[in-house]
């Protein structure tokens, strides 16, 4: 495997290259876009779904439920003289449940941020290209020695194409 870094100055050329690559059979997972500024025209061509909210909600539910169950067990198992008051205190449990649920949401958001940003469990092994001040760099993951992809990138207006080996 090798990576091709194609530098584009015009957004129209970049969009055309992405459309042609996808029509040629290159999957969306093999394409990555790097730019100093958002490139609005390309966001529909390379949609990236974030699962951060799902991770936050699931983590909040899991941690909140775990804290509630733990509080309930502790209140029942600890031999405490309550003087006629209920053994399980709803107010104390509610406060701990709320705080643990919010901490779980923050923890889930942090884990998803690390995963989606590629800082942890990254599948990419190619270095991030040097970004131009204007324009963007399209990274294409392809088989070693793919002249058709190089020619396609050159024909769509890439100002510079750099080959990066996956071992780099």
C-alpha atoms as a PDB file:
ATOM      1  CA  UNK A   1       0.000   0.000   0.000  1.00  0.00           C
ATOM      2  CA  UNK A   2       1.045   3.511  -0.711  1.00  0.00           C
ATOM      3  CA  UNK A   3      -0.519   6.911  -0.257  1.00  0.00           C
ATOM      4  CA  UNK A   4      -0.717   9.639  -2.861  1.00  0.00           C
ATOM      5  CA  UNK A   5      -0.862  13.247  -1.669  1.00  0.00           C
ATOM      6  CA  UNK A   6      -2.312  15.474  -4.392  1.00  0.00           C
ATOM      7  CA  UNK A   7      -2.312  19.236  -3.799  1.00  0.00           C
ATOM      8  CA  UNK A   8      -5.204  21.227  -5.287  1.00  0.00           C
ATOM      9  CA  UNK A   9      -5.586  24.992  -5.444  1.00  0.00           C
ATOM     10  CA  UNK A  10      -9.165  25.089  -6.754  1.00  0.00           C
ATOM     11  CA  UNK A  11     -12.132  23.498  -4.974  1.00  0.00           C
ATOM     12  CA  UNK A  12     -13.802  22.612  -8.278  1.00  0.00           C
ATOM     13  CA  UNK A  13     -10.797  20.544  -9.367  1.00  0.00           C
ATOM     14  CA  UNK A  14     -10.727  18.796  -5.998  1.00  0.00           C
ATOM     15  CA  UNK A  15     -14.437  17.935  -6.195  1.00  0.00           C
ATOM     16  CA  UNK A  16     -14.004  16.641  -9.739  1.00  0.00           C
ATOM     17  CA  UNK A  17     -11.094  14.448  -8.651  1.00  0.00           C
ATOM     18  CA  UNK A  18     -13.109  12.961  -5.788  1.00  0.00           C
ATOM     19  CA  UNK A  19     -16.074  12.254  -8.085  1.00  0.00           C
ATOM     20  CA  UNK A  20     -13.847  10.573 -10.682  1.00  0.00           C
ATOM     21  CA  UNK A  21     -12.006   8.520  -8.063  1.00  0.00           C
ATOM     22  CA  UNK A  22     -15.290   7.286  -6.611  1.00  0.00           C
ATOM     23  CA  UNK A  23     -16.573   6.487 -10.118  1.00  0.00           C
ATOM     24  CA  UNK A  24     -13.322   4.586 -10.718  1.00  0.00           C
ATOM     25  CA  UNK A  25     -14.035   2.358  -7.699  1.00  0.00           C
ATOM     26  CA  UNK A  26     -11.962   4.011  -4.976  1.00  0.00           C
ATOM     27  CA  UNK A  27     -13.858   3.762  -1.685  1.00  0.00           C
ATOM     28  CA  UNK A  28     -14.602   6.729   0.554  1.00  0.00           C
ATOM     29  CA  UNK A  29     -12.491   5.165   3.295  1.00  0.00           C
ATOM     30  CA  UNK A  30      -9.436   5.373   1.039  1.00  0.00           C
ATOM     31  CA  UNK A  31      -9.837   9.138   0.599  1.00  0.00           C
ATOM     32  CA  UNK A  32      -8.845  11.739   3.165  1.00  0.00           C
ATOM     33  CA  UNK A  33      -8.883  15.506   2.793  1.00  0.00           C
ATOM     34  CA  UNK A  34      -6.486  17.891   4.542  1.00  0.00           C
ATOM     35  CA  UNK A  35      -6.948  21.636   4.510  1.00  0.00           C
ATOM     36  CA  UNK A  36      -6.289  24.641   6.721  1.00  0.00           C
ATOM     37  CA  UNK A  37      -9.840  25.863   6.128  1.00  0.00           C
ATOM     38  CA  UNK A  38     -13.165  24.026   5.730  1.00  0.00           C
ATOM     39  CA  UNK A  39     -13.919  22.985   2.170  1.00  0.00           C
ATOM     40  CA  UNK A  40     -17.712  23.169   1.946  1.00  0.00           C
ATOM     41  CA  UNK A  41     -18.066  21.821  -1.594  1.00  0.00           C
ATOM     42  CA  UNK A  42     -16.420  18.538  -0.623  1.00  0.00           C
ATOM     43  CA  UNK A  43     -18.362  17.775   2.566  1.00  0.00           C
ATOM     44  CA  UNK A  44     -21.191  16.193   0.555  1.00  0.00           C
ATOM     45  CA  UNK A  45     -18.737  14.053  -1.406  1.00  0.00           C
ATOM     46  CA  UNK A  46     -16.843  12.763   1.637  1.00  0.00           C
ATOM     47  CA  UNK A  47     -19.368  12.654   4.479  1.00  0.00           C
ATOM     48  CA  UNK A  48     -17.911  11.788   7.855  1.00  0.00           C
ATOM     49  CA  UNK A  49     -20.492  10.740  10.373  1.00  0.00           C
ATOM     50  CA  UNK A  50     -19.664  11.442  13.957  1.00  0.00           C
ATOM     51  CA  UNK A  51     -20.762   8.972  16.584  1.00  0.00           C
ATOM     52  CA  UNK A  52     -19.709  11.231  19.430  1.00  0.00           C
ATOM     53  CA  UNK A  53     -23.258  11.864  20.684  1.00  0.00           C
ATOM     54  CA  UNK A  54     -24.023   8.132  20.672  1.00  0.00           C
ATOM     55  CA  UNK A  55     -20.858   7.441  22.670  1.00  0.00           C
ATOM     56  CA  UNK A  56     -21.722  10.173  25.170  1.00  0.00           C
ATOM     57  CA  UNK A  57     -25.285   8.919  25.696  1.00  0.00           C
ATOM     58  CA  UNK A  58     -24.310   5.245  26.011  1.00  0.00           C
ATOM     59  CA  UNK A  59     -21.498   6.046  28.407  1.00  0.00           C
ATOM     60  CA  UNK A  60     -23.785   8.286  30.483  1.00  0.00           C
ATOM     61  CA  UNK A  61     -26.404   5.543  30.723  1.00  0.00           C
ATOM     62  CA  UNK A  62     -23.856   2.879  31.642  1.00  0.00           C
ATOM     63  CA  UNK A  63     -22.018   4.946  34.262  1.00  0.00           C
ATOM     64  CA  UNK A  64     -25.222   6.427  35.717  1.00  0.00           C
ATOM     65  CA  UNK A  65     -26.866   3.009  35.999  1.00  0.00           C
ATOM     66  CA  UNK A  66     -23.734   1.524  37.521  1.00  0.00           C
ATOM     67  CA  UNK A  67     -23.497   4.303  40.094  1.00  0.00           C
ATOM     68  CA  UNK A  68     -27.176   3.937  41.011  1.00  0.00           C
ATOM     69  CA  UNK A  69     -26.897   0.177  41.451  1.00  0.00           C
ATOM     70  CA  UNK A  70     -23.713   0.583  43.474  1.00  0.00           C
ATOM     71  CA  UNK A  71     -25.341   3.213  45.724  1.00  0.00           C
ATOM     72  CA  UNK A  72     -28.382   0.980  46.236  1.00  0.00           C
ATOM     73  CA  UNK A  73     -26.255  -2.026  47.180  1.00  0.00           C
ATOM     74  CA  UNK A  74     -24.112   0.046  49.526  1.00  0.00           C
ATOM     75  CA  UNK A  75     -27.150   1.507  51.267  1.00  0.00           C
ATOM     76  CA  UNK A  76     -28.676  -1.947  51.776  1.00  0.00           C
ATOM     77  CA  UNK A  77     -25.489  -3.793  52.722  1.00  0.00           C
ATOM     78  CA  UNK A  78     -24.002  -1.321  55.167  1.00  0.00           C
ATOM     79  CA  UNK A  79     -25.417  -1.936  58.688  1.00  0.00           C
ATOM     80  CA  UNK A  80     -26.427   1.567  59.692  1.00  0.00           C
ATOM     81  CA  UNK A  81     -28.936   2.558  62.353  1.00  0.00           C
ATOM     82  CA  UNK A  82     -31.226   5.047  60.661  1.00  0.00           C
ATOM     83  CA  UNK A  83     -33.571   5.872  63.538  1.00  0.00           C
ATOM     84  CA  UNK A  84     -36.732   4.995  61.651  1.00  0.00           C
ATOM     85  CA  UNK A  85     -35.743   6.742  58.418  1.00  0.00           C
ATOM     86  CA  UNK A  86     -35.731   4.750  55.175  1.00  0.00           C
ATOM     87  CA  UNK A  87     -32.603   2.733  54.510  1.00  0.00           C
ATOM     88  CA  UNK A  88     -32.411   3.774  50.860  1.00  0.00           C
ATOM     89  CA  UNK A  89     -32.311   7.547  50.560  1.00  0.00           C
ATOM     90  CA  UNK A  90     -33.714   8.765  47.260  1.00  0.00           C
ATOM     91  CA  UNK A  91     -32.178  12.221  47.524  1.00  0.00           C
ATOM     92  CA  UNK A  92     -28.659  10.990  48.172  1.00  0.00           C
ATOM     93  CA  UNK A  93     -28.943   8.396  45.426  1.00  0.00           C
ATOM     94  CA  UNK A  94     -30.316  10.971  42.963  1.00  0.00           C
ATOM     95  CA  UNK A  95     -27.408  13.343  43.545  1.00  0.00           C
ATOM     96  CA  UNK A  96     -24.813  10.605  43.021  1.00  0.00           C
ATOM     97  CA  UNK A  97     -26.706   9.268  39.996  1.00  0.00           C
ATOM     98  CA  UNK A  98     -26.835  12.704  38.376  1.00  0.00           C
ATOM     99  CA  UNK A  99     -23.160  13.448  38.972  1.00  0.00           C
ATOM    100  CA  UNK A 100     -22.053  10.006  37.780  1.00  0.00           C
ATOM    101  CA  UNK A 101     -24.256  10.281  34.682  1.00  0.00           C
ATOM    102  CA  UNK A 102     -22.732  13.628  33.742  1.00  0.00           C
ATOM    103  CA  UNK A 103     -19.209  12.319  34.401  1.00  0.00           C
ATOM    104  CA  UNK A 104     -20.019   9.311  32.194  1.00  0.00           C
ATOM    105  CA  UNK A 105     -21.176  11.616  29.390  1.00  0.00           C
ATOM    106  CA  UNK A 106     -17.961  13.626  29.598  1.00  0.00           C
ATOM    107  CA  UNK A 107     -15.865  10.446  29.677  1.00  0.00           C
ATOM    108  CA  UNK A 108     -17.728   8.996  26.666  1.00  0.00           C
ATOM    109  CA  UNK A 109     -17.287  12.231  24.731  1.00  0.00           C
ATOM    110  CA  UNK A 110     -13.567  12.243  25.476  1.00  0.00           C
ATOM    111  CA  UNK A 111     -13.155   8.624  24.367  1.00  0.00           C
ATOM    112  CA  UNK A 112     -15.056   9.221  21.128  1.00  0.00           C
ATOM    113  CA  UNK A 113     -13.037  12.377  20.475  1.00  0.00           C
ATOM    114  CA  UNK A 114      -9.801  10.419  20.819  1.00  0.00           C
ATOM    115  CA  UNK A 115     -11.106   7.629  18.592  1.00  0.00           C
ATOM    116  CA  UNK A 116     -12.585   9.852  15.846  1.00  0.00           C
ATOM    117  CA  UNK A 117      -9.602  12.185  15.732  1.00  0.00           C
ATOM    118  CA  UNK A 118      -7.284   9.258  15.058  1.00  0.00           C
ATOM    119  CA  UNK A 119      -5.128   9.820  18.134  1.00  0.00           C
ATOM    120  CA  UNK A 120      -6.055   6.361  19.440  1.00  0.00           C
ATOM    121  CA  UNK A 121      -6.759   3.276  17.318  1.00  0.00           C
ATOM    122  CA  UNK A 122      -5.844   5.049  14.109  1.00  0.00           C
ATOM    123  CA  UNK A 123      -6.027   2.983  10.937  1.00  0.00           C
ATOM    124  CA  UNK A 124      -3.923   5.466   8.996  1.00  0.00           C
ATOM    125  CA  UNK A 125      -0.190   5.034   8.929  1.00  0.00           C
ATOM    126  CA  UNK A 126       0.665   7.750   6.442  1.00  0.00           C
ATOM    127  CA  UNK A 127       2.020  11.034   7.760  1.00  0.00           C
ATOM    128  CA  UNK A 128      -0.064  14.171   7.525  1.00  0.00           C
ATOM    129  CA  UNK A 129       1.064  16.125   4.449  1.00  0.00           C
ATOM    130  CA  UNK A 130       2.469  19.635   4.508  1.00  0.00           C
ATOM    131  CA  UNK A 131      -0.557  21.839   4.026  1.00  0.00           C
ATOM    132  CA  UNK A 132      -0.485  24.754   1.608  1.00  0.00           C
ATOM    133  CA  UNK A 133      -1.712  28.166   2.742  1.00  0.00           C
ATOM    134  CA  UNK A 134      -4.401  28.088   0.056  1.00  0.00           C
ATOM    135  CA  UNK A 135      -6.033  24.978  -1.307  1.00  0.00           C
ATOM    136  CA  UNK A 136      -6.152  21.433   0.036  1.00  0.00           C
ATOM    137  CA  UNK A 137      -4.376  18.092  -0.121  1.00  0.00           C
ATOM    138  CA  UNK A 138      -6.236  14.931  -1.097  1.00  0.00           C
ATOM    139  CA  UNK A 139      -4.770  11.709   0.288  1.00  0.00           C
ATOM    140  CA  UNK A 140      -5.579   8.543  -1.655  1.00  0.00           C
ATOM    141  CA  UNK A 141      -4.777   5.086  -0.295  1.00  0.00           C
ATOM    142  CA  UNK A 142      -4.017   2.799  -3.240  1.00  0.00           C
ATOM    143  CA  UNK A 143      -2.039  -0.226  -4.332  1.00  0.00           C
ATOM    144  CA  UNK A 144       1.655   0.265  -4.909  1.00  0.00           C
ATOM    145  CA  UNK A 145       2.332   1.592  -8.387  1.00  0.00           C
ATOM    146  CA  UNK A 146      -1.172   2.673  -9.402  1.00  0.00           C
ATOM    147  CA  UNK A 147      -0.477   4.760 -12.523  1.00  0.00           C
ATOM    148  CA  UNK A 148      -4.172   5.186 -13.367  1.00  0.00           C
ATOM    149  CA  UNK A 149      -4.859   7.010 -10.102  1.00  0.00           C
ATOM    150  CA  UNK A 150      -1.789   9.204 -10.540  1.00  0.00           C
ATOM    151  CA  UNK A 151      -2.857  10.075 -14.072  1.00  0.00           C
ATOM    152  CA  UNK A 152      -6.399  10.845 -12.902  1.00  0.00           C
ATOM    153  CA  UNK A 153      -5.098  13.169 -10.186  1.00  0.00           C
ATOM    154  CA  UNK A 154      -2.783  14.908 -12.649  1.00  0.00           C
ATOM    155  CA  UNK A 155      -5.556  15.314 -15.243  1.00  0.00           C
ATOM    156  CA  UNK A 156      -7.945  16.871 -12.724  1.00  0.00           C
ATOM    157  CA  UNK A 157      -5.565  19.722 -11.923  1.00  0.00           C
ATOM    158  CA  UNK A 158      -3.351  18.552  -9.068  1.00  0.00           C
ATOM    159  CA  UNK A 159      -0.473  20.999  -8.811  1.00  0.00           C
ATOM    160  CA  UNK A 160       1.771  18.547  -6.971  1.00  0.00           C
ATOM    161  CA  UNK A 161       1.564  14.772  -6.379  1.00  0.00           C
ATOM    162  CA  UNK A 162       3.697  13.107  -3.741  1.00  0.00           C
ATOM    163  CA  UNK A 163       4.011   9.347  -3.187  1.00  0.00           C
ATOM    164  CA  UNK A 164       4.251   8.276   0.449  1.00  0.00           C
ATOM    165  CA  UNK A 165       4.984   4.672   1.353  1.00  0.00           C
ATOM    166  CA  UNK A 166       2.814   3.134   4.095  1.00  0.00           C
ATOM    167  CA  UNK A 167       5.924   2.231   6.092  1.00  0.00           C
ATOM    168  CA  UNK A 168       6.917   5.904   6.359  1.00  0.00           C
END
